[in-house]
PDB file of N, CA and C in Angstrom:
ATOM      1  N   MET A   1       1.038  -1.220   0.066  1.00  0.00           N
ATOM      2  CA  MET A   1      -0.063  -0.020   0.172  1.00  0.00           C
ATOM      3  C   MET A   1       0.971   1.079  -0.025  1.00  0.00           C
ATOM      4  N   PRO A   2       0.618   2.369  -0.861  1.00  0.00           N
ATOM      5  CA  PRO A   2       1.287   3.244  -0.935  1.00  0.00           C
ATOM      6  C   PRO A   2       1.292   4.272   0.088  1.00  0.00           C
ATOM      7  N   ASP A   3       2.207   5.495   0.253  1.00  0.00           N
ATOM      8  CA  ASP A   3       1.945   6.277   1.185  1.00  0.00           C
ATOM      9  C   ASP A   3       1.651   7.912   0.305  1.00  0.00           C
ATOM     10  N   TYR A   4       0.942   8.772   0.988  1.00  0.00           N
ATOM     11  CA  TYR A   4       0.444   9.714   0.167  1.00  0.00           C
ATOM     12  C   TYR A   4       0.706  11.072   0.925  1.00  0.00           C
ATOM     13  N   VAL A   5       0.925  12.142   0.292  1.00  0.00           N
ATOM     14  CA  VAL A   5       0.731  13.720   0.657  1.00  0.00           C
ATOM     15  C   VAL A   5      -0.563  14.111   0.323  1.00  0.00           C
ATOM     16  N   VAL A   6      -1.375  14.692   1.436  1.00  0.00           N
ATOM     17  CA  VAL A   6      -2.701  15.068   1.165  1.00  0.00           C
ATOM     18  C   VAL A   6      -2.610  16.633   1.542  1.00  0.00           C
ATOM     19  N   THR A   7      -3.162  17.486   0.668  1.00  0.00           N
ATOM     20  CA  THR A   7      -3.020  18.808   0.838  1.00  0.00           C
ATOM     21  C   THR A   7      -4.612  19.161   0.992  1.00  0.00           C
ATOM     22  N   LEU A   8      -4.949  19.806   2.180  1.00  0.00           N
ATOM     23  CA  LEU A   8      -6.235  20.435   2.265  1.00  0.00           C
ATOM     24  C   LEU A   8      -6.340  21.989   2.414  1.00  0.00           C
ATOM     25  N   GLU A   9      -7.343  22.540   2.122  1.00  0.00           N
ATOM     26  CA  GLU A   9      -7.382  24.008   2.251  1.00  0.00           C
ATOM     27  C   GLU A   9      -8.629  24.360   3.407  1.00  0.00           C
ATOM     28  N   SER A  10      -8.279  25.314   4.122  1.00  0.00           N
ATOM     29  CA  SER A  10      -9.238  25.694   5.174  1.00  0.00           C
ATOM     30  C   SER A  10      -9.310  27.196   5.278  1.00  0.00           C
ATOM     31  N   ALA A  11     -10.401  27.503   5.706  1.00  0.00           N
ATOM     32  CA  ALA A  11     -11.057  28.933   6.072  1.00  0.00           C
ATOM     33  C   ALA A  11     -11.054  29.466   7.411  1.00  0.00           C
ATOM     34  N   TRP A  12     -10.253  30.526   7.774  1.00  0.00           N
ATOM     35  CA  TRP A  12     -10.018  30.795   9.020  1.00  0.00           C
ATOM     36  C   TRP A  12     -10.466  32.140   9.431  1.00  0.00           C
ATOM     37  N   ILE A  13     -11.320  32.418  10.205  1.00  0.00           N
ATOM     38  CA  ILE A  13     -11.804  33.629  10.829  1.00  0.00           C
ATOM     39  C   ILE A  13     -11.159  34.270  11.777  1.00  0.00           C
ATOM     40  N   ILE A  14     -10.671  35.722  11.934  1.00  0.00           N
ATOM     41  CA  ILE A  14     -10.086  36.015  12.887  1.00  0.00           C
ATOM     42  C   ILE A  14     -10.750  37.402  13.144  1.00  0.00           C
ATOM     43  N   ARG A  15     -11.089  37.933  14.322  1.00  0.00           N
ATOM     44  CA  ARG A  15     -11.687  38.972  14.929  1.00  0.00           C
ATOM     45  C   ARG A  15     -10.966  40.066  15.497  1.00  0.00           C
ATOM     46  N   ASP A  16     -11.251  41.389  15.535  1.00  0.00           N
ATOM     47  CA  ASP A  16     -10.261  42.438  16.080  1.00  0.00           C
ATOM     48  C   ASP A  16      -8.841  42.281  15.541  1.00  0.00           C
ATOM     49  N   VAL A  17      -8.517  42.299  14.305  1.00  0.00           N
ATOM     50  CA  VAL A  17      -7.292  42.272  13.818  1.00  0.00           C
ATOM     51  C   VAL A  17      -7.316  43.645  12.860  1.00  0.00           C
ATOM     52  N   LYS A  18      -6.178  44.418  12.573  1.00  0.00           N
ATOM     53  CA  LYS A  18      -5.601  45.642  12.262  1.00  0.00           C
ATOM     54  C   LYS A  18      -4.841  45.333  10.840  1.00  0.00           C
ATOM     55  N   SER A  19      -4.123  44.319  10.626  1.00  0.00           N
ATOM     56  CA  SER A  19      -3.449  44.233   9.344  1.00  0.00           C
ATOM     57  C   SER A  19      -3.450  42.786   8.812  1.00  0.00           C
ATOM     58  N   LEU A  20      -3.052  42.817   7.871  1.00  0.00           N
ATOM     59  CA  LEU A  20      -3.183  41.344   6.944  1.00  0.00           C
ATOM     60  C   LEU A  20      -2.024  40.628   7.503  1.00  0.00           C
ATOM     61  N   ASP A  21      -1.021  40.857   7.756  1.00  0.00           N
ATOM     62  CA  ASP A  21       0.326  40.141   8.215  1.00  0.00           C
ATOM     63  C   ASP A  21       0.032  39.585   9.832  1.00  0.00           C
ATOM     64  N   ASP A  22      -0.827  40.452  10.492  1.00  0.00           N
ATOM     65  CA  ASP A  22      -1.102  40.058  11.798  1.00  0.00           C
ATOM     66  C   ASP A  22      -2.033  38.955  11.708  1.00  0.00           C
ATOM     67  N   ALA A  23      -3.185  39.133  10.917  1.00  0.00           N
ATOM     68  CA  ALA A  23      -4.068  38.035  10.635  1.00  0.00           C
ATOM     69  C   ALA A  23      -3.694  36.709  10.130  1.00  0.00           C
ATOM     70  N   ILE A  24      -2.868  36.812   9.198  1.00  0.00           N
ATOM     71  CA  ILE A  24      -2.149  35.285   8.742  1.00  0.00           C
ATOM     72  C   ILE A  24      -1.347  34.913   9.973  1.00  0.00           C
ATOM     73  N   GLY A  25      -0.802  35.708  10.680  1.00  0.00           N
ATOM     74  CA  GLY A  25       0.182  35.122  11.648  1.00  0.00           C
ATOM     75  C   GLY A  25      -0.663  34.324  12.755  1.00  0.00           C
ATOM     76  N   ILE A  26      -1.851  35.142  12.857  1.00  0.00           N
ATOM     77  CA  ILE A  26      -2.608  34.784  14.108  1.00  0.00           C
ATOM     78  C   ILE A  26      -3.436  33.479  13.571  1.00  0.00           C
ATOM     79  N   ALA A  27      -3.917  33.553  12.451  1.00  0.00           N
ATOM     80  CA  ALA A  27      -4.420  32.085  11.823  1.00  0.00           C
ATOM     81  C   ALA A  27      -3.596  30.912  12.017  1.00  0.00           C
ATOM     82  N   ILE A  28      -2.339  31.072  11.667  1.00  0.00           N
ATOM     83  CA  ILE A  28      -1.387  30.176  11.616  1.00  0.00           C
ATOM     84  C   ILE A  28      -1.065  29.308  13.131  1.00  0.00           C
ATOM     85  N   SER A  29      -1.100  30.371  13.887  1.00  0.00           N
ATOM     86  CA  SER A  29      -0.673  30.218  15.337  1.00  0.00           C
ATOM     87  C   SER A  29      -1.832  29.433  16.106  1.00  0.00           C
ATOM     88  N   GLU A  30      -3.193  29.865  15.894  1.00  0.00           N
ATOM     89  CA  GLU A  30      -4.160  29.198  16.303  1.00  0.00           C
ATOM     90  C   GLU A  30      -4.415  27.916  15.707  1.00  0.00           C
ATOM     91  N   ALA A  31      -4.315  27.618  14.344  1.00  0.00           N
ATOM     92  CA  ALA A  31      -4.439  26.523  13.708  1.00  0.00           C
ATOM     93  C   ALA A  31      -3.360  25.292  14.449  1.00  0.00           C
ATOM     94  N   GLY A  32      -2.159  25.876  14.526  1.00  0.00           N
ATOM     95  CA  GLY A  32      -1.129  25.207  14.915  1.00  0.00           C
ATOM     96  C   GLY A  32      -1.382  24.469  16.482  1.00  0.00           C
ATOM     97  N   LYS A  33      -1.946  25.486  17.264  1.00  0.00           N
ATOM     98  CA  LYS A  33      -2.185  25.302  18.751  1.00  0.00           C
ATOM     99  C   LYS A  33      -3.534  24.198  18.721  1.00  0.00           C
ATOM    100  N   ARG A  34      -4.406  24.136  17.794  1.00  0.00           N
ATOM    101  CA  ARG A  34      -5.518  23.443  18.077  1.00  0.00           C
ATOM    102  C   ARG A  34      -4.928  22.019  17.482  1.00  0.00           C
ATOM    103  N   LEU A  35      -3.985  21.942  16.526  1.00  0.00           N
ATOM    104  CA  LEU A  35      -3.535  20.523  15.780  1.00  0.00           C
ATOM    105  C   LEU A  35      -2.412  20.109  16.546  1.00  0.00           C
ATOM    106  N   ASN A  36      -1.916  20.785  17.462  1.00  0.00           N
ATOM    107  CA  ASN A  36      -0.546  20.293  18.335  1.00  0.00           C
ATOM    108  C   ASN A  36      -0.747  18.961  19.205  1.00  0.00           C
ATOM    109  N   PRO A  37      -1.710  19.027  19.951  1.00  0.00           N
ATOM    110  CA  PRO A  37      -1.713  17.742  20.586  1.00  0.00           C
ATOM    111  C   PRO A  37      -2.085  16.513  19.847  1.00  0.00           C
ATOM    112  N   ALA A  38      -3.034  16.489  19.010  1.00  0.00           N
ATOM    113  CA  ALA A  38      -3.210  15.322  18.379  1.00  0.00           C
ATOM    114  C   ALA A  38      -2.742  14.921  16.954  1.00  0.00           C
ATOM    115  N   ALA A  39      -2.352  16.196  16.279  1.00  0.00           N
ATOM    116  CA  ALA A  39      -1.769  16.107  14.993  1.00  0.00           C
ATOM    117  C   ALA A  39      -0.817  17.115  14.712  1.00  0.00           C
ATOM    118  N   LYS A  40       0.124  16.897  15.323  1.00  0.00           N
ATOM    119  CA  LYS A  40       1.173  18.019  15.362  1.00  0.00           C
ATOM    120  C   LYS A  40       1.998  17.772  14.078  1.00  0.00           C
ATOM    121  N   TYR A  41       1.754  16.643  13.492  1.00  0.00           N
ATOM    122  CA  TYR A  41       2.628  16.441  12.141  1.00  0.00           C
ATOM    123  C   TYR A  41       2.003  17.194  10.806  1.00  0.00           C
ATOM    124  N   VAL A  42       0.916  17.653  11.056  1.00  0.00           N
ATOM    125  CA  VAL A  42       0.325  18.416  10.001  1.00  0.00           C
ATOM    126  C   VAL A  42       0.873  19.916   9.595  1.00  0.00           C
ATOM    127  N   GLU A  43       1.177  20.297   8.626  1.00  0.00           N
ATOM    128  CA  GLU A  43       2.031  21.513   8.442  1.00  0.00           C
ATOM    129  C   GLU A  43       0.920  22.705   8.101  1.00  0.00           C
ATOM    130  N   VAL A  44       1.173  23.683   8.578  1.00  0.00           N
ATOM    131  CA  VAL A  44       0.191  24.771   8.349  1.00  0.00           C
ATOM    132  C   VAL A  44       0.824  25.853   7.624  1.00  0.00           C
ATOM    133  N   GLU A  45       0.391  26.404   6.612  1.00  0.00           N
ATOM    134  CA  GLU A  45       0.855  27.537   5.759  1.00  0.00           C
ATOM    135  C   GLU A  45      -0.242  28.640   5.321  1.00  0.00           C
ATOM    136  N   ALA A  46       0.067  29.855   4.993  1.00  0.00           N
ATOM    137  CA  ALA A  46      -0.758  30.524   4.575  1.00  0.00           C
ATOM    138  C   ALA A  46      -0.796  30.279   3.075  1.00  0.00           C
ATOM    139  N   GLY A  47      -2.424  30.363   2.656  1.00  0.00           N
ATOM    140  CA  GLY A  47      -2.812  29.917   1.130  1.00  0.00           C
ATOM    141  C   GLY A  47      -2.568  31.008   0.251  1.00  0.00           C
ATOM    142  N   PHE A  48      -2.512  30.669  -1.086  1.00  0.00           N
ATOM    143  CA  PHE A  48      -2.270  31.780  -1.898  1.00  0.00           C
ATOM    144  C   PHE A  48      -3.193  31.421  -3.243  1.00  0.00           C
ATOM    145  N   LEU A  49      -3.653  32.475  -3.785  1.00  0.00           N
ATOM    146  CA  LEU A  49      -4.813  32.428  -4.987  1.00  0.00           C
ATOM    147  C   LEU A  49      -3.847  32.900  -6.144  1.00  0.00           C
ATOM    148  N   THR A  50      -4.433  32.480  -7.210  1.00  0.00           N
ATOM    149  CA  THR A  50      -4.036  32.972  -8.572  1.00  0.00           C
ATOM    150  C   THR A  50      -5.219  34.006  -8.997  1.00  0.00           C
ATOM    151  N   CYS A  51      -4.603  35.160  -9.590  1.00  0.00           N
ATOM    152  CA  CYS A  51      -5.514  36.009 -10.093  1.00  0.00           C
ATOM    153  C   CYS A  51      -5.972  35.896 -11.428  1.00  0.00           C
ATOM    154  N   PRO A  52      -7.404  35.582 -11.713  1.00  0.00           N
ATOM    155  CA  PRO A  52      -7.762  35.214 -12.895  1.00  0.00           C
ATOM    156  C   PRO A  52      -7.452  36.205 -14.154  1.00  0.00           C
ATOM    157  N   PHE A  53      -7.032  37.342 -14.018  1.00  0.00           N
ATOM    158  CA  PHE A  53      -6.873  38.327 -14.894  1.00  0.00           C
ATOM    159  C   PHE A  53      -5.518  38.323 -15.536  1.00  0.00           C
ATOM    160  N   CYS A  54      -4.365  38.477 -14.420  1.00  0.00           N
ATOM    161  CA  CYS A  54      -3.163  38.937 -14.448  1.00  0.00           C
ATOM    162  C   CYS A  54      -2.310  37.597 -14.263  1.00  0.00           C
ATOM    163  N   GLU A  55      -2.895  36.710 -13.593  1.00  0.00           N
ATOM    164  CA  GLU A  55      -2.249  35.340 -13.433  1.00  0.00           C
ATOM    165  C   GLU A  55      -1.110  35.439 -12.182  1.00  0.00           C
ATOM    166  N   GLU A  56      -1.136  36.357 -11.497  1.00  0.00           N
ATOM    167  CA  GLU A  56      -0.052  36.659 -10.387  1.00  0.00           C
ATOM    168  C   GLU A  56      -0.692  36.164  -8.991  1.00  0.00           C
ATOM    169  N   THR A  57       0.185  35.679  -8.361  1.00  0.00           N
ATOM    170  CA  THR A  57      -0.035  35.015  -6.692  1.00  0.00           C
ATOM    171  C   THR A  57      -0.493  36.093  -6.019  1.00  0.00           C
ATOM    172  N   LEU A  58      -1.708  35.919  -5.307  1.00  0.00           N
ATOM    173  CA  LEU A  58      -2.254  37.015  -4.512  1.00  0.00           C
ATOM    174  C   LEU A  58      -2.311  36.048  -2.986  1.00  0.00           C
ATOM    175  N   SER A  59      -2.063  36.651  -1.905  1.00  0.00           N
ATOM    176  CA  SER A  59      -2.530  36.098  -0.490  1.00  0.00           C
ATOM    177  C   SER A  59      -3.971  35.803  -0.379  1.00  0.00           C
ATOM    178  N   SER A  60      -4.210  34.814  -0.005  1.00  0.00           N
ATOM    179  CA  SER A  60      -5.701  34.219   0.287  1.00  0.00           C
ATOM    180  C   SER A  60      -6.064  34.964   1.799  1.00  0.00           C
ATOM    181  N   ALA A  61      -5.977  36.066   2.026  1.00  0.00           N
ATOM    182  CA  ALA A  61      -6.550  36.506   3.191  1.00  0.00           C
ATOM    183  C   ALA A  61      -7.037  37.993   2.831  1.00  0.00           C
ATOM    184  N   ILE A  62      -7.974  38.409   3.715  1.00  0.00           N
ATOM    185  CA  ILE A  62      -8.737  39.672   3.255  1.00  0.00           C
ATOM    186  C   ILE A  62      -9.080  40.412   4.734  1.00  0.00           C
ATOM    187  N   VAL A  63      -8.955  41.465   4.933  1.00  0.00           N
ATOM    188  CA  VAL A  63      -9.305  41.955   6.137  1.00  0.00           C
ATOM    189  C   VAL A  63     -10.204  43.296   5.966  1.00  0.00           C
ATOM    190  N   VAL A  64     -11.802  42.993   6.438  1.00  0.00           N
ATOM    191  CA  VAL A  64     -12.531  44.023   6.494  1.00  0.00           C
ATOM    192  C   VAL A  64     -13.209  44.367   7.639  1.00  0.00           C
ATOM    193  N   ALA A  65     -13.310  45.544   8.236  1.00  0.00           N
ATOM    194  CA  ALA A  65     -14.004  45.926   9.467  1.00  0.00           C
ATOM    195  C   ALA A  65     -13.440  45.079  10.714  1.00  0.00           C
ATOM    196  N   ASP A  66     -11.935  45.078  10.553  1.00  0.00           N
ATOM    197  CA  ASP A  66     -11.319  44.459  11.780  1.00  0.00           C
ATOM    198  C   ASP A  66     -11.563  42.966  11.760  1.00  0.00           C
ATOM    199  N   THR A  67     -11.958  42.344  10.656  1.00  0.00           N
ATOM    200  CA  THR A  67     -12.279  41.013  10.867  1.00  0.00           C
ATOM    201  C   THR A  67     -11.633  40.622   9.563  1.00  0.00           C
ATOM    202  N   ALA A  68     -10.851  39.309   9.787  1.00  0.00           N
ATOM    203  CA  ALA A  68     -10.196  38.819   8.553  1.00  0.00           C
ATOM    204  C   ALA A  68     -10.449  37.313   8.251  1.00  0.00           C
ATOM    205  N   LEU A  69     -10.726  36.961   6.878  1.00  0.00           N
ATOM    206  CA  LEU A  69     -10.743  35.665   6.491  1.00  0.00           C
ATOM    207  C   LEU A  69      -9.236  35.320   5.799  1.00  0.00           C
ATOM    208  N   VAL A  70      -9.058  34.242   6.523  1.00  0.00           N
ATOM    209  CA  VAL A  70      -7.448  33.689   6.090  1.00  0.00           C
ATOM    210  C   VAL A  70      -7.818  32.355   5.496  1.00  0.00           C
ATOM    211  N   GLY A  71      -7.055  31.912   4.187  1.00  0.00           N
ATOM    212  CA  GLY A  71      -7.047  30.652   3.564  1.00  0.00           C
ATOM    213  C   GLY A  71      -5.759  30.047   4.146  1.00  0.00           C
ATOM    214  N   LEU A  72      -5.948  28.884   4.740  1.00  0.00           N
ATOM    215  CA  LEU A  72      -4.811  28.144   5.203  1.00  0.00           C
ATOM    216  C   LEU A  72      -4.556  26.941   4.402  1.00  0.00           C
ATOM    217  N   VAL A  73      -3.369  26.494   4.063  1.00  0.00           N
ATOM    218  CA  VAL A  73      -3.075  25.117   3.373  1.00  0.00           C
ATOM    219  C   VAL A  73      -2.556  24.331   4.563  1.00  0.00           C
ATOM    220  N   LEU A  74      -3.126  22.908   4.639  1.00  0.00           N
ATOM    221  CA  LEU A  74      -2.770  22.029   5.455  1.00  0.00           C
ATOM    222  C   LEU A  74      -2.341  20.874   4.879  1.00  0.00           C
ATOM    223  N   GLU A  75      -0.891  20.266   5.198  1.00  0.00           N
ATOM    224  CA  GLU A  75      -0.432  19.333   4.454  1.00  0.00           C
ATOM    225  C   GLU A  75      -0.106  18.049   5.368  1.00  0.00           C
ATOM    226  N   MET A  76      -0.394  16.957   5.067  1.00  0.00           N
ATOM    227  CA  MET A  76      -0.347  15.925   5.917  1.00  0.00           C
ATOM    228  C   MET A  76       0.194  14.511   5.197  1.00  0.00           C
ATOM    229  N   LYS A  77       0.830  13.654   5.761  1.00  0.00           N
ATOM    230  CA  LYS A  77       1.586  12.699   5.048  1.00  0.00           C
ATOM    231  C   LYS A  77       0.731  11.508   5.768  1.00  0.00           C
ATOM    232  N   VAL A  78       0.062  10.692   4.737  1.00  0.00           N
ATOM    233  CA  VAL A  78      -0.798   9.555   5.141  1.00  0.00           C
ATOM    234  C   VAL A  78      -0.114   8.240   4.698  1.00  0.00           C
ATOM    235  N   PHE A  79       0.207   7.443   5.501  1.00  0.00           N
ATOM    236  CA  PHE A  79       0.816   6.237   5.328  1.00  0.00           C
ATOM    237  C   PHE A  79       0.035   4.991   5.215  1.00  0.00           C
ATOM    238  N   ARG A  80       0.344   4.148   4.209  1.00  0.00           N
ATOM    239  CA  ARG A  80      -0.110   2.873   4.083  1.00  0.00           C
ATOM    240  C   ARG A  80      -1.816   2.966   3.533  1.00  0.00           C
ATOM    241  N   ALA A  81      -2.216   3.770   2.773  1.00  0.00           N
ATOM    242  CA  ALA A  81      -3.614   3.881   2.575  1.00  0.00           C
ATOM    243  C   ALA A  81      -3.954   3.158   1.186  1.00  0.00           C
ATOM    244  N   GLU A  82      -4.999   2.701   1.181  1.00  0.00           N
ATOM    245  CA  GLU A  82      -5.442   1.774   0.048  1.00  0.00           C
ATOM    246  C   GLU A  82      -5.587   2.611  -1.114  1.00  0.00           C
ATOM    247  N   SER A  83      -6.026   3.822  -1.226  1.00  0.00           N
ATOM    248  CA  SER A  83      -6.230   4.714  -2.472  1.00  0.00           C
ATOM    249  C   SER A  83      -6.129   6.134  -2.182  1.00  0.00           C
ATOM    250  N   PRO A  84      -6.045   6.898  -3.234  1.00  0.00           N
ATOM    251  CA  PRO A  84      -5.907   8.302  -2.804  1.00  0.00           C
ATOM    252  C   PRO A  84      -7.317   8.923  -2.057  1.00  0.00           C
ATOM    253  N   GLU A  85      -8.194   8.133  -2.377  1.00  0.00           N
ATOM    254  CA  GLU A  85      -9.891   8.443  -1.768  1.00  0.00           C
ATOM    255  C   GLU A  85      -9.569   8.234  -0.330  1.00  0.00           C
ATOM    256  N   HIS A  86      -9.011   7.025   0.041  1.00  0.00           N
ATOM    257  CA  HIS A  86      -8.736   6.570   1.261  1.00  0.00           C
ATOM    258  C   HIS A  86      -8.091   7.668   2.136  1.00  0.00           C
ATOM    259  N   ALA A  87      -6.819   7.980   1.443  1.00  0.00           N
ATOM    260  CA  ALA A  87      -5.843   8.928   2.019  1.00  0.00           C
ATOM    261  C   ALA A  87      -6.621  10.209   2.521  1.00  0.00           C
ATOM    262  N   GLU A  88      -7.438  10.606   1.410  1.00  0.00           N
ATOM    263  CA  GLU A  88      -8.255  11.989   1.540  1.00  0.00           C
ATOM    264  C   GLU A  88      -9.079  11.594   2.942  1.00  0.00           C
ATOM    265  N   ARG A  89      -9.936  10.626   3.056  1.00  0.00           N
ATOM    266  CA  ARG A  89     -10.625  10.540   4.105  1.00  0.00           C
ATOM    267  C   ARG A  89      -9.919  10.399   5.413  1.00  0.00           C
ATOM    268  N   ILE A  90      -8.699   9.583   5.444  1.00  0.00           N
ATOM    269  CA  ILE A  90      -8.014   9.810   6.601  1.00  0.00           C
ATOM    270  C   ILE A  90      -7.517  10.995   7.124  1.00  0.00           C
ATOM    271  N   ALA A  91      -6.972  11.869   6.262  1.00  0.00           N
ATOM    272  CA  ALA A  91      -6.605  13.316   6.484  1.00  0.00           C
ATOM    273  C   ALA A  91      -7.643  14.272   6.738  1.00  0.00           C
ATOM    274  N   LYS A  92      -8.900  14.034   6.269  1.00  0.00           N
ATOM    275  CA  LYS A  92     -10.016  14.819   6.633  1.00  0.00           C
ATOM    276  C   LYS A  92     -10.375  14.540   7.957  1.00  0.00           C
ATOM    277  N   SER A  93     -10.481  13.188   8.298  1.00  0.00           N
ATOM    278  CA  SER A  93     -10.775  12.589   9.591  1.00  0.00           C
ATOM    279  C   SER A  93      -9.912  13.325  10.870  1.00  0.00           C
ATOM    280  N   VAL A  94      -8.439  13.206  10.495  1.00  0.00           N
ATOM    281  CA  VAL A  94      -7.571  13.661  11.424  1.00  0.00           C
ATOM    282  C   VAL A  94      -7.652  15.244  11.689  1.00  0.00           C
ATOM    283  N   VAL A  95      -7.609  15.739  10.670  1.00  0.00           N
ATOM    284  CA  VAL A  95      -7.788  17.293  10.578  1.00  0.00           C
ATOM    285  C   VAL A  95      -9.068  17.878  11.413  1.00  0.00           C
ATOM    286  N   GLY A  96     -10.236  17.153  10.873  1.00  0.00           N
ATOM    287  CA  GLY A  96     -11.297  17.495  11.199  1.00  0.00           C
ATOM    288  C   GLY A  96     -11.657  17.509  12.573  1.00  0.00           C
ATOM    289  N   LYS A  97     -11.095  16.641  13.230  1.00  0.00           N
ATOM    290  CA  LYS A  97     -11.181  16.223  14.758  1.00  0.00           C
ATOM    291  C   LYS A  97     -10.521  17.219  15.616  1.00  0.00           C
ATOM    292  N   ALA A  98      -9.469  17.716  14.855  1.00  0.00           N
ATOM    293  CA  ALA A  98      -8.800  18.847  15.675  1.00  0.00           C
ATOM    294  C   ALA A  98      -9.337  20.242  15.350  1.00  0.00           C
ATOM    295  N   LEU A  99      -9.759  20.493  14.142  1.00  0.00           N
ATOM    296  CA  LEU A  99     -10.127  21.847  13.768  1.00  0.00           C
ATOM    297  C   LEU A  99     -11.798  21.649  13.660  1.00  0.00           C
ATOM    298  N   ARG A 100     -12.396  21.387  14.692  1.00  0.00           N
ATOM    299  CA  ARG A 100     -14.038  21.303  14.601  1.00  0.00           C
ATOM    300  C   ARG A 100     -14.641  22.511  14.074  1.00  0.00           C
ATOM    301  N   ASP A 101     -15.549  22.429  13.337  1.00  0.00           N
ATOM    302  CA  ASP A 101     -16.332  23.543  12.666  1.00  0.00           C
ATOM    303  C   ASP A 101     -15.382  24.668  11.873  1.00  0.00           C
ATOM    304  N   VAL A 102     -14.324  23.859  11.378  1.00  0.00           N
ATOM    305  CA  VAL A 102     -13.584  24.793  10.354  1.00  0.00           C
ATOM    306  C   VAL A 102     -13.790  23.939   9.022  1.00  0.00           C
ATOM    307  N   PRO A 103     -14.325  24.754   7.927  1.00  0.00           N
ATOM    308  CA  PRO A 103     -14.396  24.075   6.587  1.00  0.00           C
ATOM    309  C   PRO A 103     -13.320  23.534   6.060  1.00  0.00           C
ATOM    310  N   LEU A 104     -13.253  22.392   5.496  1.00  0.00           N
ATOM    311  CA  LEU A 104     -11.939  21.884   4.741  1.00  0.00           C
ATOM    312  C   LEU A 104     -12.168  21.414   3.346  1.00  0.00           C
ATOM    313  N   LYS A 105     -11.442  21.589   2.313  1.00  0.00           N
ATOM    314  CA  LYS A 105     -11.450  21.431   1.039  1.00  0.00           C
ATOM    315  C   LYS A 105     -10.204  20.603   0.587  1.00  0.00           C
ATOM    316  N   LEU A 106     -10.626  19.394  -0.206  1.00  0.00           N
ATOM    317  CA  LEU A 106      -9.186  18.948  -0.664  1.00  0.00           C
ATOM    318  C   LEU A 106      -8.569  19.655  -1.972  1.00  0.00           C
ATOM    319  N   LEU A 107      -7.490  20.051  -1.745  1.00  0.00           N
ATOM    320  CA  LEU A 107      -6.631  20.725  -3.036  1.00  0.00           C
ATOM    321  C   LEU A 107      -5.758  19.487  -3.722  1.00  0.00           C
ATOM    322  N   ASP A 108      -5.044  18.508  -3.025  1.00  0.00           N
ATOM    323  CA  ASP A 108      -4.366  17.738  -3.842  1.00  0.00           C
ATOM    324  C   ASP A 108      -4.174  16.385  -3.095  1.00  0.00           C
ATOM    325  N   VAL A 109      -3.977  15.527  -3.686  1.00  0.00           N
ATOM    326  CA  VAL A 109      -3.462  13.932  -3.135  1.00  0.00           C
ATOM    327  C   VAL A 109      -2.299  13.557  -4.082  1.00  0.00           C
ATOM    328  N   GLN A 110      -0.984  13.374  -3.470  1.00  0.00           N
ATOM    329  CA  GLN A 110       0.148  13.111  -4.449  1.00  0.00           C
ATOM    330  C   GLN A 110       0.748  11.670  -3.673  1.00  0.00           C
ATOM    331  N   VAL A 111       1.206  10.603  -4.475  1.00  0.00           N
ATOM    332  CA  VAL A 111       1.741   9.439  -4.111  1.00  0.00           C
ATOM    333  C   VAL A 111       3.384   9.884  -3.619  1.00  0.00           C
ATOM    334  N   LEU A 112       3.618   9.510  -2.427  1.00  0.00           N
ATOM    335  CA  LEU A 112       5.002   9.773  -1.909  1.00  0.00           C
ATOM    336  C   LEU A 112       6.180   8.596  -2.717  1.00  0.00           C
TER     337      LEU A 112
END
């Protein structure tokens, strides 16, 4: 059975924040704290989007009225999964238990 790297996308809401950099830092920190005891092997990074017009890379975070929505990318290695779909289910289960009430979306599954 092969090993996989599963990449998930998550949306994180931060309240009472003044700058975009602060919002990204707080989101990564909060996600890391919630993942630490049970799933400390999940890597957390700020997400990026591609502009549909100019195709440049943009930060996937926005601050409006001192409230931020930050897109995070969560990457996890899944060992000995039966298929890519099985690896996805395992990753969503592990991350979902630690990050309750946080939406998750599959970005990519790759064989190690």
